[in-house]
């Protein structure tokens, strides 16, 4: 691949069956884990976590993407319950998620914690989600439930 080909890798610290199990328990361990990927040519680290707003390590409110950017200097993508009250795995247990404010996401983005945001479930249940956000129609946003995985509605 040439220099103009972006390499993006999606990473997660947790296991779906054990949220407290992490690959890195300290920033130093994370740096030792991520820097070889950055040195090998990864351009963007797509950092998946259960809830984007949860801090990765005690003593800092940086999330996984924030720490990855700080430690490697690489661009990062954050993802994890963006715009929803509940996490992905809760949907399979019959838990619904309601739309939530994007103020914390915006605050962190403006602060430079991460460069991009990935959105999944809100788009599955509401294909017009991005348009509604752009037009400040947040009162029209839809929640997410397990049933939304079984249907795709195109507006």
N, C-alpha and C. Protein backbone atom coordinates (compact mmCIF):
# COMPACT_ATOMS: atom_id res chain seq x y z
N UNK A 1 0.84 -1.17 0.00
CA UNK A 1 0.00 0.00 0.00
C UNK A 1 0.88 1.23 0.00
N UNK A 2 0.39 2.26 -0.64
CA UNK A 2 1.13 3.51 -0.68
C UNK A 2 0.86 4.36 0.54
N UNK A 3 1.61 5.44 0.66
CA UNK A 3 1.46 6.36 1.78
C UNK A 3 0.08 7.01 1.84
N UNK A 4 -0.62 7.06 0.68
CA UNK A 4 -1.92 7.72 0.62
C UNK A 4 -3.08 6.79 1.00
N UNK A 5 -2.79 5.56 1.42
CA UNK A 5 -3.80 4.59 1.80
C UNK A 5 -3.91 4.58 3.32
N UNK A 6 -5.04 5.02 3.85
CA UNK A 6 -5.22 5.07 5.30
C UNK A 6 -5.49 3.68 5.87
N UNK A 7 -4.80 3.35 6.92
CA UNK A 7 -5.00 2.09 7.62
C UNK A 7 -5.70 2.40 8.95
N UNK A 8 -6.89 1.82 9.12
CA UNK A 8 -7.69 2.02 10.32
C UNK A 8 -7.87 0.66 10.99
N UNK A 9 -7.68 0.61 12.29
CA UNK A 9 -7.89 -0.64 13.02
C UNK A 9 -8.87 -0.37 14.16
N UNK A 10 -9.85 -1.25 14.28
CA UNK A 10 -10.83 -1.12 15.37
C UNK A 10 -10.34 -1.96 16.54
N UNK A 11 -10.33 -1.33 17.71
CA UNK A 11 -9.80 -1.97 18.91
C UNK A 11 -10.80 -1.85 20.05
N UNK A 12 -10.70 -2.78 20.96
CA UNK A 12 -11.50 -2.70 22.17
C UNK A 12 -10.67 -3.20 23.33
N UNK A 13 -10.90 -2.64 24.49
CA UNK A 13 -10.22 -3.05 25.71
C UNK A 13 -10.99 -4.13 26.45
N UNK A 14 -12.29 -4.24 26.21
CA UNK A 14 -13.12 -5.12 27.03
C UNK A 14 -13.60 -6.34 26.26
N UNK A 15 -14.09 -7.29 27.02
CA UNK A 15 -14.76 -8.46 26.46
C UNK A 15 -16.25 -8.29 26.73
N UNK A 16 -17.12 -8.68 25.81
CA UNK A 16 -18.56 -8.54 26.05
C UNK A 16 -19.04 -9.26 27.31
N UNK A 17 -18.36 -10.30 27.70
CA UNK A 17 -18.79 -11.05 28.88
C UNK A 17 -18.07 -10.59 30.15
N UNK A 18 -17.11 -9.66 30.01
CA UNK A 18 -16.35 -9.20 31.18
C UNK A 18 -15.86 -7.78 30.95
N UNK A 19 -16.74 -6.81 31.22
CA UNK A 19 -16.41 -5.41 30.94
C UNK A 19 -15.21 -4.91 31.74
N UNK A 20 -14.94 -5.49 32.88
CA UNK A 20 -13.83 -5.03 33.71
C UNK A 20 -12.49 -5.64 33.31
N UNK A 21 -12.51 -6.62 32.42
CA UNK A 21 -11.27 -7.20 31.92
C UNK A 21 -10.72 -6.31 30.82
N UNK A 22 -9.52 -5.80 31.03
CA UNK A 22 -8.91 -4.89 30.06
C UNK A 22 -7.55 -5.41 29.62
N UNK A 23 -7.19 -5.07 28.40
CA UNK A 23 -5.86 -5.40 27.90
C UNK A 23 -4.79 -4.55 28.58
N UNK A 24 -5.14 -3.31 28.90
CA UNK A 24 -4.21 -2.40 29.57
C UNK A 24 -4.89 -1.80 30.78
N UNK A 25 -4.25 -1.92 31.93
CA UNK A 25 -4.81 -1.40 33.17
C UNK A 25 -4.22 -0.05 33.56
N UNK A 26 -3.20 0.39 32.84
CA UNK A 26 -2.56 1.68 33.10
C UNK A 26 -2.24 2.34 31.76
N UNK A 27 -2.03 3.65 31.76
CA UNK A 27 -1.62 4.31 30.52
C UNK A 27 -0.31 3.73 29.95
N UNK A 28 0.60 3.34 30.83
CA UNK A 28 1.87 2.76 30.37
C UNK A 28 1.65 1.44 29.64
N UNK A 29 0.76 0.60 30.17
CA UNK A 29 0.44 -0.66 29.50
C UNK A 29 -0.24 -0.40 28.17
N UNK A 30 -1.11 0.61 28.12
CA UNK A 30 -1.78 0.94 26.86
C UNK A 30 -0.78 1.44 25.83
N UNK A 31 0.14 2.27 26.27
CA UNK A 31 1.16 2.79 25.36
C UNK A 31 2.00 1.64 24.78
N UNK A 32 2.38 0.69 25.61
CA UNK A 32 3.16 -0.47 25.15
C UNK A 32 2.38 -1.33 24.17
N UNK A 33 1.06 -1.32 24.28
CA UNK A 33 0.19 -2.09 23.40
C UNK A 33 -0.09 -1.36 22.09
N UNK A 34 -0.32 -0.04 22.17
CA UNK A 34 -0.72 0.72 20.98
C UNK A 34 0.43 1.23 20.13
N UNK A 35 1.55 1.60 20.75
CA UNK A 35 2.64 2.17 19.96
C UNK A 35 3.20 1.24 18.89
N UNK A 36 3.30 -0.06 19.13
CA UNK A 36 3.74 -0.93 18.03
C UNK A 36 2.80 -0.89 16.83
N UNK A 37 1.50 -0.74 17.07
CA UNK A 37 0.54 -0.61 15.97
C UNK A 37 0.76 0.70 15.23
N UNK A 38 0.95 1.78 15.97
CA UNK A 38 1.21 3.08 15.36
C UNK A 38 2.51 3.05 14.58
N UNK A 39 3.55 2.46 15.16
CA UNK A 39 4.85 2.37 14.48
C UNK A 39 4.80 1.50 13.23
N UNK A 40 3.89 0.53 13.22
CA UNK A 40 3.75 -0.36 12.06
C UNK A 40 2.99 0.29 10.91
N UNK A 41 2.39 1.47 11.15
CA UNK A 41 1.73 2.18 10.07
C UNK A 41 0.25 2.40 10.20
N UNK A 42 -0.33 2.03 11.34
CA UNK A 42 -1.75 2.31 11.52
C UNK A 42 -1.93 3.82 11.59
N UNK A 43 -2.86 4.34 10.81
CA UNK A 43 -3.10 5.78 10.75
C UNK A 43 -4.17 6.27 11.72
N UNK A 44 -5.21 5.45 11.89
CA UNK A 44 -6.34 5.83 12.74
C UNK A 44 -6.70 4.67 13.65
N UNK A 45 -6.84 4.96 14.94
CA UNK A 45 -7.25 3.96 15.92
C UNK A 45 -8.73 4.15 16.22
N UNK A 46 -9.53 3.14 15.85
CA UNK A 46 -10.98 3.17 16.07
C UNK A 46 -11.23 2.49 17.40
N UNK A 47 -11.47 3.29 18.43
CA UNK A 47 -11.48 2.81 19.81
C UNK A 47 -12.90 2.57 20.32
N UNK A 48 -13.26 1.31 20.39
CA UNK A 48 -14.60 0.92 20.82
C UNK A 48 -14.62 0.70 22.32
N UNK A 49 -15.64 1.29 22.95
CA UNK A 49 -15.87 1.00 24.35
C UNK A 49 -17.36 0.95 24.60
N UNK A 50 -17.74 0.41 25.71
CA UNK A 50 -19.15 0.19 26.02
C UNK A 50 -19.93 1.50 26.04
N UNK A 51 -19.37 2.52 26.69
CA UNK A 51 -19.99 3.85 26.79
C UNK A 51 -18.87 4.88 26.61
N UNK A 52 -18.96 5.66 25.54
CA UNK A 52 -17.87 6.58 25.20
C UNK A 52 -17.52 7.55 26.32
N UNK A 53 -18.45 7.86 27.19
CA UNK A 53 -18.23 8.86 28.23
C UNK A 53 -17.50 8.32 29.46
N UNK A 54 -17.31 7.02 29.54
CA UNK A 54 -16.64 6.46 30.71
C UNK A 54 -15.13 6.64 30.61
N UNK A 55 -14.50 7.11 31.69
CA UNK A 55 -13.05 7.28 31.68
C UNK A 55 -12.34 5.94 31.59
N UNK A 56 -11.23 5.94 30.90
CA UNK A 56 -10.47 4.70 30.72
C UNK A 56 -9.65 4.35 31.96
N UNK A 57 -9.08 5.39 32.59
CA UNK A 57 -8.25 5.16 33.77
C UNK A 57 -8.64 6.15 34.86
N UNK A 58 -8.47 5.73 36.09
CA UNK A 58 -8.77 6.58 37.24
C UNK A 58 -7.87 7.82 37.22
N UNK A 59 -8.45 8.96 37.61
CA UNK A 59 -7.68 10.18 37.69
C UNK A 59 -7.72 11.05 36.44
N UNK A 60 -8.44 10.60 35.42
CA UNK A 60 -8.57 11.35 34.17
C UNK A 60 -9.93 11.03 33.57
N UNK A 61 -10.57 12.02 32.94
CA UNK A 61 -11.85 11.73 32.29
C UNK A 61 -11.67 11.33 30.83
N UNK A 62 -10.42 11.19 30.35
CA UNK A 62 -10.21 10.73 28.98
C UNK A 62 -10.77 9.33 28.79
N UNK A 63 -11.44 9.13 27.67
CA UNK A 63 -11.93 7.79 27.34
C UNK A 63 -10.83 7.03 26.57
N UNK A 64 -11.17 5.87 26.07
CA UNK A 64 -10.21 5.04 25.35
C UNK A 64 -9.61 5.80 24.17
N UNK A 65 -10.46 6.43 23.36
CA UNK A 65 -9.97 7.17 22.19
C UNK A 65 -9.09 8.35 22.62
N UNK A 66 -9.46 9.01 23.69
CA UNK A 66 -8.67 10.13 24.20
C UNK A 66 -7.27 9.70 24.62
N UNK A 67 -7.20 8.61 25.35
CA UNK A 67 -5.90 8.09 25.76
C UNK A 67 -5.09 7.61 24.56
N UNK A 68 -5.73 6.92 23.64
CA UNK A 68 -5.01 6.42 22.46
C UNK A 68 -4.39 7.57 21.67
N UNK A 69 -5.13 8.65 21.51
CA UNK A 69 -4.61 9.82 20.78
C UNK A 69 -3.46 10.46 21.56
N UNK A 70 -3.65 10.61 22.87
CA UNK A 70 -2.62 11.22 23.71
C UNK A 70 -1.32 10.41 23.68
N UNK A 71 -1.43 9.09 23.73
CA UNK A 71 -0.25 8.24 23.83
C UNK A 71 0.46 8.01 22.50
N UNK A 72 -0.30 8.01 21.41
CA UNK A 72 0.32 7.68 20.11
C UNK A 72 0.45 8.87 19.18
N UNK A 73 -0.35 9.90 19.40
CA UNK A 73 -0.37 11.03 18.48
C UNK A 73 -1.16 10.75 17.22
N UNK A 74 -1.76 9.58 17.13
CA UNK A 74 -2.54 9.19 15.95
C UNK A 74 -3.97 9.70 16.07
N UNK A 75 -4.63 9.86 14.94
CA UNK A 75 -6.05 10.20 14.92
C UNK A 75 -6.84 9.04 15.52
N UNK A 76 -7.95 9.39 16.18
CA UNK A 76 -8.78 8.35 16.78
C UNK A 76 -10.26 8.57 16.47
N UNK A 77 -10.98 7.46 16.54
CA UNK A 77 -12.43 7.44 16.41
C UNK A 77 -12.97 6.92 17.73
N UNK A 78 -13.98 7.59 18.28
CA UNK A 78 -14.63 7.08 19.48
C UNK A 78 -15.97 6.45 19.09
N UNK A 79 -16.39 5.48 19.86
CA UNK A 79 -17.68 4.84 19.65
C UNK A 79 -18.08 4.16 20.96
N UNK A 80 -19.38 4.07 21.18
CA UNK A 80 -19.88 3.40 22.37
C UNK A 80 -21.09 4.11 22.93
N UNK A 81 -22.27 3.66 22.58
CA UNK A 81 -23.53 4.21 23.08
C UNK A 81 -23.69 5.70 22.76
N UNK A 82 -23.20 6.12 21.62
CA UNK A 82 -23.33 7.51 21.21
C UNK A 82 -24.81 7.83 20.99
N UNK A 83 -25.31 8.82 21.71
CA UNK A 83 -26.69 9.27 21.55
C UNK A 83 -27.74 8.37 22.17
N UNK A 84 -27.33 7.37 22.93
CA UNK A 84 -28.29 6.44 23.54
C UNK A 84 -27.98 6.23 25.02
N UNK A 85 -29.01 5.90 25.78
CA UNK A 85 -28.85 5.72 27.22
C UNK A 85 -28.29 4.35 27.60
N UNK A 86 -28.48 3.35 26.77
CA UNK A 86 -28.04 2.00 27.11
C UNK A 86 -27.00 1.48 26.14
N UNK A 87 -26.32 0.41 26.53
CA UNK A 87 -25.26 -0.14 25.68
C UNK A 87 -25.79 -1.22 24.73
N UNK A 88 -24.98 -1.59 23.79
CA UNK A 88 -25.34 -2.53 22.74
C UNK A 88 -25.79 -3.88 23.29
N UNK A 89 -25.06 -4.40 24.24
CA UNK A 89 -25.36 -5.74 24.74
C UNK A 89 -26.65 -5.78 25.56
N UNK A 90 -27.03 -4.65 26.15
CA UNK A 90 -28.28 -4.58 26.87
C UNK A 90 -29.49 -4.80 25.97
N UNK A 91 -29.36 -4.41 24.71
CA UNK A 91 -30.46 -4.59 23.76
C UNK A 91 -30.81 -6.07 23.61
N UNK A 92 -29.81 -6.93 23.65
CA UNK A 92 -30.05 -8.37 23.51
C UNK A 92 -30.71 -8.97 24.76
N UNK A 93 -30.62 -8.24 25.87
CA UNK A 93 -31.26 -8.67 27.10
C UNK A 93 -32.65 -8.05 27.23
N UNK A 94 -33.11 -7.39 26.17
CA UNK A 94 -34.44 -6.81 26.17
C UNK A 94 -34.50 -5.40 26.71
N UNK A 95 -33.35 -4.78 26.98
CA UNK A 95 -33.33 -3.41 27.49
C UNK A 95 -33.36 -2.43 26.32
N UNK A 96 -34.25 -1.47 26.41
CA UNK A 96 -34.33 -0.43 25.38
C UNK A 96 -33.42 0.73 25.76
N UNK A 97 -33.04 1.52 24.77
CA UNK A 97 -32.23 2.71 24.99
C UNK A 97 -33.00 3.92 24.50
N UNK A 98 -32.99 4.97 25.29
CA UNK A 98 -33.63 6.22 24.90
C UNK A 98 -32.59 7.17 24.33
N UNK A 99 -33.01 8.09 23.48
CA UNK A 99 -32.08 9.11 22.98
C UNK A 99 -31.55 9.95 24.14
N UNK A 100 -30.29 10.34 24.06
CA UNK A 100 -29.67 11.18 25.08
C UNK A 100 -28.97 12.37 24.43
N UNK A 101 -28.62 13.32 25.25
CA UNK A 101 -27.93 14.52 24.81
C UNK A 101 -26.55 14.18 24.24
N UNK A 102 -26.13 14.98 23.28
CA UNK A 102 -24.80 14.82 22.70
C UNK A 102 -23.84 15.88 23.25
N UNK A 103 -24.23 16.57 24.31
CA UNK A 103 -23.40 17.63 24.87
C UNK A 103 -22.03 17.13 25.33
N UNK A 104 -21.99 15.99 26.01
CA UNK A 104 -20.71 15.46 26.49
C UNK A 104 -19.83 15.03 25.31
N UNK A 105 -20.42 14.45 24.30
CA UNK A 105 -19.68 14.07 23.10
C UNK A 105 -19.07 15.31 22.45
N UNK A 106 -19.88 16.35 22.31
CA UNK A 106 -19.42 17.60 21.70
C UNK A 106 -18.31 18.23 22.53
N UNK A 107 -18.46 18.23 23.84
CA UNK A 107 -17.43 18.79 24.73
C UNK A 107 -16.09 18.10 24.53
N UNK A 108 -16.12 16.78 24.49
CA UNK A 108 -14.89 16.02 24.32
C UNK A 108 -14.30 16.21 22.92
N UNK A 109 -15.16 16.26 21.92
CA UNK A 109 -14.68 16.48 20.54
C UNK A 109 -14.04 17.86 20.43
N UNK A 110 -14.70 18.86 20.96
CA UNK A 110 -14.16 20.23 20.92
C UNK A 110 -12.85 20.34 21.68
N UNK A 111 -12.68 19.56 22.72
CA UNK A 111 -11.46 19.55 23.51
C UNK A 111 -10.32 18.86 22.77
N UNK A 112 -10.67 18.09 21.73
CA UNK A 112 -9.65 17.41 20.94
C UNK A 112 -9.32 16.01 21.40
N UNK A 113 -10.22 15.41 22.19
CA UNK A 113 -9.97 14.05 22.69
C UNK A 113 -9.91 13.03 21.57
N UNK A 114 -10.70 13.23 20.53
CA UNK A 114 -10.75 12.31 19.39
C UNK A 114 -11.09 13.11 18.15
N UNK A 115 -10.93 12.47 17.00
CA UNK A 115 -11.08 13.17 15.73
C UNK A 115 -12.37 12.85 14.99
N UNK A 116 -12.88 11.66 15.20
CA UNK A 116 -14.10 11.21 14.53
C UNK A 116 -14.97 10.46 15.53
N UNK A 117 -16.25 10.34 15.18
CA UNK A 117 -17.21 9.62 16.02
C UNK A 117 -17.93 8.60 15.15
N UNK A 118 -17.99 7.37 15.61
CA UNK A 118 -18.75 6.33 14.92
C UNK A 118 -20.12 6.20 15.59
N UNK A 119 -21.13 6.02 14.78
CA UNK A 119 -22.50 5.89 15.28
C UNK A 119 -23.09 4.63 14.66
N UNK A 120 -23.67 3.77 15.48
CA UNK A 120 -24.24 2.54 14.96
C UNK A 120 -25.71 2.41 15.21
N UNK A 121 -26.08 2.04 16.44
CA UNK A 121 -27.48 1.74 16.75
C UNK A 121 -28.45 2.87 16.47
N UNK A 122 -28.11 4.12 16.74
CA UNK A 122 -29.08 5.17 16.41
C UNK A 122 -29.46 5.18 14.93
N UNK A 123 -28.51 4.85 14.07
CA UNK A 123 -28.79 4.82 12.63
C UNK A 123 -29.63 3.62 12.23
N UNK A 124 -29.51 2.52 12.97
CA UNK A 124 -30.33 1.34 12.66
C UNK A 124 -31.80 1.61 12.93
N UNK A 125 -32.09 2.32 14.01
CA UNK A 125 -33.48 2.58 14.35
C UNK A 125 -34.00 3.89 13.77
N UNK A 126 -33.10 4.76 13.32
CA UNK A 126 -33.50 6.06 12.80
C UNK A 126 -32.54 6.50 11.70
N UNK A 127 -32.78 6.07 10.46
CA UNK A 127 -31.88 6.41 9.36
C UNK A 127 -31.72 7.91 9.13
N UNK A 128 -32.62 8.71 9.65
CA UNK A 128 -32.52 10.17 9.50
C UNK A 128 -31.83 10.81 10.70
N UNK A 129 -31.18 10.02 11.54
CA UNK A 129 -30.54 10.50 12.76
C UNK A 129 -29.59 11.66 12.48
N UNK A 130 -28.69 11.50 11.53
CA UNK A 130 -27.69 12.54 11.24
C UNK A 130 -28.38 13.82 10.78
N UNK A 131 -29.36 13.69 9.92
CA UNK A 131 -30.09 14.87 9.42
C UNK A 131 -30.79 15.58 10.58
N UNK A 132 -31.41 14.80 11.47
CA UNK A 132 -32.09 15.39 12.62
C UNK A 132 -31.11 16.11 13.55
N UNK A 133 -29.94 15.54 13.75
CA UNK A 133 -28.93 16.18 14.58
C UNK A 133 -28.49 17.48 13.92
N UNK A 134 -28.20 17.42 12.64
CA UNK A 134 -27.74 18.60 11.90
C UNK A 134 -28.77 19.72 11.94
N UNK A 135 -30.04 19.36 11.86
CA UNK A 135 -31.13 20.35 11.86
C UNK A 135 -31.65 20.67 13.26
N UNK A 136 -30.94 20.19 14.29
CA UNK A 136 -31.31 20.44 15.69
C UNK A 136 -32.73 19.97 16.00
N UNK A 137 -33.11 18.82 15.47
CA UNK A 137 -34.43 18.23 15.71
C UNK A 137 -34.30 17.05 16.67
N UNK A 138 -33.57 17.27 17.76
CA UNK A 138 -33.27 16.17 18.68
C UNK A 138 -34.51 15.61 19.35
N UNK A 139 -35.57 16.38 19.44
CA UNK A 139 -36.81 15.89 20.03
C UNK A 139 -37.48 14.81 19.19
N UNK A 140 -37.06 14.67 17.94
CA UNK A 140 -37.63 13.66 17.04
C UNK A 140 -36.80 12.38 16.99
N UNK A 141 -35.68 12.33 17.71
CA UNK A 141 -34.83 11.14 17.66
C UNK A 141 -35.54 9.93 18.25
N UNK A 142 -35.27 8.78 17.70
CA UNK A 142 -35.87 7.53 18.15
C UNK A 142 -34.91 6.78 19.06
N UNK A 143 -35.45 5.98 19.95
CA UNK A 143 -34.65 5.12 20.79
C UNK A 143 -34.26 3.85 20.05
N UNK A 144 -33.70 2.92 20.76
CA UNK A 144 -33.26 1.66 20.16
C UNK A 144 -33.74 0.50 21.02
N UNK A 145 -34.20 -0.56 20.35
CA UNK A 145 -34.60 -1.78 21.04
C UNK A 145 -34.10 -2.98 20.24
N UNK A 146 -34.19 -4.13 20.83
CA UNK A 146 -33.76 -5.37 20.18
C UNK A 146 -34.49 -5.56 18.85
N UNK A 147 -35.74 -5.16 18.79
CA UNK A 147 -36.53 -5.32 17.57
C UNK A 147 -35.97 -4.52 16.41
N UNK A 148 -35.27 -3.43 16.70
CA UNK A 148 -34.69 -2.61 15.64
C UNK A 148 -33.62 -3.36 14.86
N UNK A 149 -33.04 -4.38 15.47
CA UNK A 149 -32.04 -5.19 14.75
C UNK A 149 -32.69 -6.02 13.64
N UNK A 150 -33.98 -6.24 13.75
CA UNK A 150 -34.68 -7.07 12.79
C UNK A 150 -35.33 -6.32 11.66
N UNK A 151 -35.25 -5.00 11.70
CA UNK A 151 -35.86 -4.23 10.62
C UNK A 151 -34.98 -3.04 10.26
N UNK A 152 -35.03 -2.66 9.02
CA UNK A 152 -34.29 -1.51 8.54
C UNK A 152 -35.27 -0.66 7.75
N UNK A 153 -35.50 0.52 8.24
CA UNK A 153 -36.45 1.44 7.60
C UNK A 153 -35.64 2.53 6.93
N UNK A 154 -35.87 2.73 5.65
CA UNK A 154 -35.18 3.78 4.93
C UNK A 154 -36.12 4.95 4.73
N UNK A 155 -35.66 6.13 5.12
CA UNK A 155 -36.44 7.34 4.90
C UNK A 155 -36.06 7.98 3.57
